[in-house]
Amino acid sequence: MASPVSSILIYNNKYLVTNQSFDLLVIISYLKERGIKSSYYGFLSANHDIIINSILSTDKCENLNTIWFHHFLTEAKSQLGWKIFVEVKNKVCHFLFCKVRVTPGKCVLT
């Protein structure tokens, strides 16, 4: 995970003052910008470089997807209305089931 930032961040010509970690800011900004059109695939595509740069030398690549999709769903749950969150969560689960071959039960967010 990226180290916490405590500064003014410029993202898409918007100023954000934050103490949250940069990767969570990227997720929050994406969700707020896309709303119901949010998708995990779209997030991965739009933020490929940031995700790759978040890998530490001690990280295992197979855990990277789990870390990012969990953060994505957690932030979607807190940032989006319930109806939109459920739709986005279903898209994430479908994407993971089709691409990564996980069981749908792995997408359960408690």
N, C-alpha and C. Protein backbone atom coordinates (compact mmCIF):
# COMPACT_ATOMS: atom_id res chain seq x y z
N MET A 1 0.81 -1.17 0.00
CA MET A 1 0.00 0.00 0.00
C MET A 1 0.86 1.24 0.00
N ALA A 2 0.36 2.26 -0.62
CA ALA A 2 1.11 3.50 -0.66
C ALA A 2 1.15 4.14 0.73
N SER A 3 2.18 4.91 0.95
CA SER A 3 2.27 5.58 2.24
C SER A 3 1.26 6.71 2.29
N PRO A 4 0.79 7.05 3.50
CA PRO A 4 -0.20 8.13 3.61
C PRO A 4 0.38 9.45 3.12
N VAL A 5 -0.48 10.25 2.53
CA VAL A 5 -0.07 11.57 2.09
C VAL A 5 -0.79 12.60 2.94
N SER A 6 -0.14 13.68 3.19
CA SER A 6 -0.75 14.76 3.95
C SER A 6 -0.44 16.06 3.22
N SER A 7 -1.09 16.24 2.11
CA SER A 7 -0.81 17.41 1.29
C SER A 7 -1.99 17.69 0.39
N ILE A 8 -1.83 18.71 -0.45
CA ILE A 8 -2.86 19.01 -1.44
C ILE A 8 -2.53 18.21 -2.69
N LEU A 9 -3.49 17.45 -3.15
CA LEU A 9 -3.31 16.60 -4.31
C LEU A 9 -4.18 17.15 -5.43
N ILE A 10 -3.64 17.27 -6.63
CA ILE A 10 -4.41 17.72 -7.78
C ILE A 10 -4.74 16.49 -8.61
N TYR A 11 -6.02 16.20 -8.79
CA TYR A 11 -6.47 15.06 -9.56
C TYR A 11 -7.59 15.53 -10.47
N ASN A 12 -7.38 15.42 -11.77
CA ASN A 12 -8.37 15.88 -12.76
C ASN A 12 -8.78 17.33 -12.50
N ASN A 13 -7.77 18.18 -12.26
CA ASN A 13 -8.00 19.61 -12.01
C ASN A 13 -8.85 19.89 -10.79
N LYS A 14 -8.92 18.95 -9.85
CA LYS A 14 -9.64 19.15 -8.60
C LYS A 14 -8.62 19.06 -7.47
N TYR A 15 -8.77 19.89 -6.46
CA TYR A 15 -7.86 19.89 -5.32
C TYR A 15 -8.44 19.04 -4.20
N LEU A 16 -7.64 18.15 -3.70
CA LEU A 16 -8.05 17.30 -2.59
C LEU A 16 -7.04 17.46 -1.46
N VAL A 17 -7.51 17.75 -0.27
CA VAL A 17 -6.63 17.78 0.89
C VAL A 17 -6.92 16.52 1.68
N THR A 18 -5.88 15.75 1.97
CA THR A 18 -6.15 14.44 2.53
C THR A 18 -5.05 13.95 3.45
N ASN A 19 -5.40 13.01 4.29
CA ASN A 19 -4.45 12.25 5.09
C ASN A 19 -4.59 10.77 4.75
N GLN A 20 -5.40 10.44 3.76
CA GLN A 20 -5.61 9.05 3.37
C GLN A 20 -4.50 8.61 2.44
N SER A 21 -4.37 7.31 2.30
CA SER A 21 -3.34 6.82 1.40
C SER A 21 -3.73 7.10 -0.05
N PHE A 22 -2.74 7.26 -0.88
CA PHE A 22 -2.96 7.66 -2.27
C PHE A 22 -3.81 6.66 -3.03
N ASP A 23 -3.60 5.36 -2.80
CA ASP A 23 -4.37 4.37 -3.55
C ASP A 23 -5.86 4.46 -3.24
N LEU A 24 -6.22 4.76 -2.01
CA LEU A 24 -7.63 4.92 -1.68
C LEU A 24 -8.20 6.18 -2.33
N LEU A 25 -7.39 7.23 -2.41
CA LEU A 25 -7.84 8.44 -3.10
C LEU A 25 -8.13 8.17 -4.57
N VAL A 26 -7.31 7.36 -5.18
CA VAL A 26 -7.50 7.02 -6.58
C VAL A 26 -8.84 6.29 -6.75
N ILE A 27 -9.13 5.36 -5.86
CA ILE A 27 -10.39 4.62 -5.93
C ILE A 27 -11.57 5.56 -5.70
N ILE A 28 -11.49 6.38 -4.66
CA ILE A 28 -12.59 7.30 -4.34
C ILE A 28 -12.84 8.26 -5.50
N SER A 29 -11.78 8.82 -6.07
CA SER A 29 -11.94 9.74 -7.19
C SER A 29 -12.60 9.05 -8.38
N TYR A 30 -12.18 7.82 -8.67
CA TYR A 30 -12.76 7.06 -9.78
C TYR A 30 -14.25 6.82 -9.53
N LEU A 31 -14.61 6.38 -8.32
CA LEU A 31 -16.00 6.08 -8.01
C LEU A 31 -16.87 7.33 -8.08
N LYS A 32 -16.37 8.43 -7.57
CA LYS A 32 -17.16 9.67 -7.61
C LYS A 32 -17.33 10.17 -9.03
N GLU A 33 -16.31 10.00 -9.83
CA GLU A 33 -16.38 10.46 -11.22
C GLU A 33 -17.31 9.58 -12.05
N ARG A 34 -17.26 8.27 -11.88
CA ARG A 34 -17.99 7.33 -12.73
C ARG A 34 -19.36 6.95 -12.17
N GLY A 35 -19.54 6.97 -10.85
CA GLY A 35 -20.83 6.63 -10.25
C GLY A 35 -21.32 5.26 -10.66
N ILE A 36 -22.54 5.19 -11.18
CA ILE A 36 -23.13 3.91 -11.56
C ILE A 36 -22.39 3.26 -12.72
N LYS A 37 -21.62 4.04 -13.46
CA LYS A 37 -20.85 3.49 -14.57
C LYS A 37 -19.52 2.88 -14.11
N SER A 38 -19.27 2.89 -12.80
CA SER A 38 -18.03 2.33 -12.26
C SER A 38 -17.96 0.84 -12.53
N SER A 39 -16.77 0.39 -12.85
CA SER A 39 -16.52 -1.05 -12.98
C SER A 39 -15.09 -1.31 -12.54
N TYR A 40 -14.85 -2.49 -12.04
CA TYR A 40 -13.50 -2.84 -11.59
C TYR A 40 -12.55 -2.86 -12.78
N TYR A 41 -13.00 -3.40 -13.91
CA TYR A 41 -12.17 -3.43 -15.11
C TYR A 41 -11.81 -2.01 -15.56
N GLY A 42 -12.81 -1.12 -15.55
CA GLY A 42 -12.55 0.26 -15.92
C GLY A 42 -11.56 0.93 -14.97
N PHE A 43 -11.70 0.63 -13.69
CA PHE A 43 -10.76 1.16 -12.70
C PHE A 43 -9.35 0.64 -12.97
N LEU A 44 -9.23 -0.67 -13.21
CA LEU A 44 -7.91 -1.25 -13.48
C LEU A 44 -7.29 -0.64 -14.74
N SER A 45 -8.09 -0.48 -15.77
CA SER A 45 -7.59 0.09 -17.03
C SER A 45 -7.14 1.54 -16.85
N ALA A 46 -7.94 2.31 -16.15
CA ALA A 46 -7.64 3.73 -15.98
C ALA A 46 -6.44 3.98 -15.06
N ASN A 47 -6.17 3.04 -14.16
CA ASN A 47 -5.15 3.26 -13.14
C ASN A 47 -4.05 2.21 -13.16
N HIS A 48 -3.82 1.62 -14.31
CA HIS A 48 -2.83 0.55 -14.46
C HIS A 48 -1.47 0.93 -13.89
N ASP A 49 -0.96 2.10 -14.24
CA ASP A 49 0.37 2.52 -13.79
C ASP A 49 0.44 2.67 -12.27
N ILE A 50 -0.59 3.24 -11.69
CA ILE A 50 -0.62 3.42 -10.23
C ILE A 50 -0.62 2.06 -9.54
N ILE A 51 -1.40 1.12 -10.06
CA ILE A 51 -1.49 -0.21 -9.46
C ILE A 51 -0.14 -0.92 -9.56
N ILE A 52 0.48 -0.87 -10.71
CA ILE A 52 1.79 -1.51 -10.88
C ILE A 52 2.82 -0.88 -9.95
N ASN A 53 2.79 0.44 -9.81
CA ASN A 53 3.74 1.12 -8.93
C ASN A 53 3.48 0.86 -7.45
N SER A 54 2.30 0.32 -7.12
CA SER A 54 2.00 0.03 -5.72
C SER A 54 2.63 -1.28 -5.25
N ILE A 55 3.18 -2.04 -6.17
CA ILE A 55 3.78 -3.32 -5.82
C ILE A 55 5.09 -3.09 -5.08
N LEU A 56 5.20 -3.67 -3.91
CA LEU A 56 6.45 -3.65 -3.16
C LEU A 56 7.24 -4.89 -3.53
N SER A 57 8.52 -4.85 -3.31
CA SER A 57 9.35 -6.01 -3.67
C SER A 57 8.96 -7.26 -2.88
N THR A 58 8.30 -7.07 -1.74
CA THR A 58 7.89 -8.22 -0.92
C THR A 58 6.50 -8.72 -1.27
N ASP A 59 5.78 -7.97 -2.11
CA ASP A 59 4.42 -8.39 -2.49
C ASP A 59 4.47 -9.56 -3.45
N LYS A 60 3.43 -10.36 -3.40
CA LYS A 60 3.26 -11.43 -4.37
C LYS A 60 2.19 -10.97 -5.34
N CYS A 61 2.45 -11.10 -6.61
CA CYS A 61 1.52 -10.59 -7.63
C CYS A 61 0.14 -11.23 -7.53
N GLU A 62 0.08 -12.49 -7.10
CA GLU A 62 -1.23 -13.14 -7.02
C GLU A 62 -2.11 -12.49 -5.95
N ASN A 63 -1.51 -11.81 -4.98
CA ASN A 63 -2.29 -11.12 -3.95
C ASN A 63 -2.71 -9.72 -4.37
N LEU A 64 -2.11 -9.19 -5.40
CA LEU A 64 -2.37 -7.83 -5.82
C LEU A 64 -3.83 -7.62 -6.22
N ASN A 65 -4.39 -8.52 -6.99
CA ASN A 65 -5.78 -8.40 -7.40
C ASN A 65 -6.71 -8.45 -6.19
N THR A 66 -6.44 -9.35 -5.26
CA THR A 66 -7.27 -9.48 -4.06
C THR A 66 -7.25 -8.18 -3.26
N ILE A 67 -6.07 -7.61 -3.09
CA ILE A 67 -5.94 -6.37 -2.34
C ILE A 67 -6.73 -5.25 -3.00
N TRP A 68 -6.55 -5.07 -4.31
CA TRP A 68 -7.19 -3.96 -5.00
C TRP A 68 -8.70 -4.15 -5.11
N PHE A 69 -9.18 -5.37 -5.39
CA PHE A 69 -10.64 -5.50 -5.52
C PHE A 69 -11.31 -5.35 -4.16
N HIS A 70 -10.65 -5.77 -3.09
CA HIS A 70 -11.22 -5.58 -1.75
C HIS A 70 -11.30 -4.08 -1.42
N HIS A 71 -10.23 -3.35 -1.69
CA HIS A 71 -10.26 -1.90 -1.46
C HIS A 71 -11.32 -1.23 -2.33
N PHE A 72 -11.42 -1.67 -3.59
CA PHE A 72 -12.39 -1.10 -4.52
C PHE A 72 -13.81 -1.29 -3.98
N LEU A 73 -14.14 -2.51 -3.55
CA LEU A 73 -15.49 -2.78 -3.04
C LEU A 73 -15.75 -2.06 -1.71
N THR A 74 -14.75 -2.00 -0.85
CA THR A 74 -14.92 -1.31 0.43
C THR A 74 -15.22 0.17 0.19
N GLU A 75 -14.48 0.80 -0.69
CA GLU A 75 -14.71 2.21 -0.98
C GLU A 75 -16.02 2.41 -1.74
N ALA A 76 -16.37 1.50 -2.63
CA ALA A 76 -17.65 1.60 -3.34
C ALA A 76 -18.80 1.55 -2.35
N LYS A 77 -18.68 0.69 -1.36
CA LYS A 77 -19.73 0.55 -0.35
C LYS A 77 -19.89 1.84 0.45
N SER A 78 -18.79 2.52 0.75
CA SER A 78 -18.88 3.74 1.55
C SER A 78 -19.16 4.99 0.72
N GLN A 79 -18.85 4.97 -0.57
CA GLN A 79 -18.98 6.17 -1.40
C GLN A 79 -20.27 6.23 -2.22
N LEU A 80 -20.80 5.08 -2.58
CA LEU A 80 -21.96 5.03 -3.47
C LEU A 80 -23.21 4.68 -2.69
N GLY A 81 -24.35 5.06 -3.20
CA GLY A 81 -25.60 4.63 -2.60
C GLY A 81 -25.74 3.12 -2.69
N TRP A 82 -26.60 2.54 -1.83
CA TRP A 82 -26.70 1.09 -1.75
C TRP A 82 -27.04 0.45 -3.09
N LYS A 83 -28.03 0.99 -3.80
CA LYS A 83 -28.46 0.41 -5.07
C LYS A 83 -27.31 0.42 -6.09
N ILE A 84 -26.59 1.53 -6.17
CA ILE A 84 -25.46 1.61 -7.09
C ILE A 84 -24.35 0.67 -6.65
N PHE A 85 -24.09 0.62 -5.33
CA PHE A 85 -23.05 -0.28 -4.82
C PHE A 85 -23.34 -1.73 -5.21
N VAL A 86 -24.58 -2.17 -5.04
CA VAL A 86 -24.93 -3.56 -5.37
C VAL A 86 -24.68 -3.83 -6.85
N GLU A 87 -25.03 -2.89 -7.70
CA GLU A 87 -24.81 -3.07 -9.14
C GLU A 87 -23.31 -3.14 -9.46
N VAL A 88 -22.53 -2.24 -8.86
CA VAL A 88 -21.08 -2.24 -9.07
C VAL A 88 -20.47 -3.52 -8.52
N LYS A 89 -20.91 -3.95 -7.34
CA LYS A 89 -20.39 -5.19 -6.73
C LYS A 89 -20.68 -6.39 -7.63
N ASN A 90 -21.87 -6.44 -8.21
CA ASN A 90 -22.20 -7.54 -9.11
C ASN A 90 -21.30 -7.54 -10.34
N LYS A 91 -20.98 -6.34 -10.86
CA LYS A 91 -20.06 -6.26 -12.00
C LYS A 91 -18.67 -6.75 -11.61
N VAL A 92 -18.22 -6.38 -10.41
CA VAL A 92 -16.90 -6.82 -9.93
C VAL A 92 -16.88 -8.34 -9.80
N CYS A 93 -17.91 -8.90 -9.18
CA CYS A 93 -17.96 -10.36 -9.01
C CYS A 93 -17.99 -11.07 -10.35
N HIS A 94 -18.76 -10.54 -11.29
CA HIS A 94 -18.82 -11.14 -12.63
C HIS A 94 -17.45 -11.08 -13.30
N PHE A 95 -16.80 -9.94 -13.22
CA PHE A 95 -15.46 -9.77 -13.80
C PHE A 95 -14.49 -10.77 -13.19
N LEU A 96 -14.48 -10.87 -11.87
CA LEU A 96 -13.55 -11.78 -11.20
C LEU A 96 -13.87 -13.24 -11.53
N PHE A 97 -15.15 -13.57 -11.57
CA PHE A 97 -15.53 -14.95 -11.86
C PHE A 97 -15.11 -15.35 -13.27
N CYS A 98 -15.30 -14.43 -14.22
CA CYS A 98 -14.97 -14.74 -15.61
C CYS A 98 -13.48 -14.70 -15.89
N LYS A 99 -12.77 -13.75 -15.28
CA LYS A 99 -11.36 -13.54 -15.59
C LYS A 99 -10.41 -14.32 -14.69
N VAL A 100 -10.72 -14.37 -13.40
CA VAL A 100 -9.77 -14.92 -12.44
C VAL A 100 -10.18 -16.31 -11.97
N ARG A 101 -11.37 -16.70 -12.29
CA ARG A 101 -11.88 -18.01 -11.92
C ARG A 101 -12.02 -18.19 -10.41
N VAL A 102 -12.51 -17.16 -9.75
CA VAL A 102 -12.81 -17.32 -8.34
C VAL A 102 -14.27 -17.68 -8.21
N THR A 103 -14.65 -18.20 -7.09
CA THR A 103 -16.05 -18.53 -6.88
C THR A 103 -16.80 -17.26 -6.50
N PRO A 104 -18.08 -17.17 -6.85
CA PRO A 104 -18.84 -15.97 -6.49
C PRO A 104 -18.83 -15.69 -4.99
N GLY A 105 -18.73 -16.71 -4.17
CA GLY A 105 -18.69 -16.52 -2.72
C GLY A 105 -17.50 -15.71 -2.25
N LYS A 106 -16.43 -15.68 -3.04
CA LYS A 106 -15.24 -14.91 -2.68
C LYS A 106 -15.50 -13.41 -2.76
N CYS A 107 -16.59 -13.01 -3.41
CA CYS A 107 -16.87 -11.59 -3.58
C CYS A 107 -17.73 -11.04 -2.45
N VAL A 108 -18.05 -11.86 -1.49
CA VAL A 108 -18.90 -11.41 -0.40
C VAL A 108 -18.14 -10.39 0.42
N LEU A 109 -18.74 -9.23 0.62
CA LEU A 109 -18.13 -8.16 1.39
C LEU A 109 -18.89 -8.01 2.69
N THR A 110 -18.21 -8.21 3.78
CA THR A 110 -18.89 -8.11 5.08
C THR A 110 -18.68 -6.77 5.70
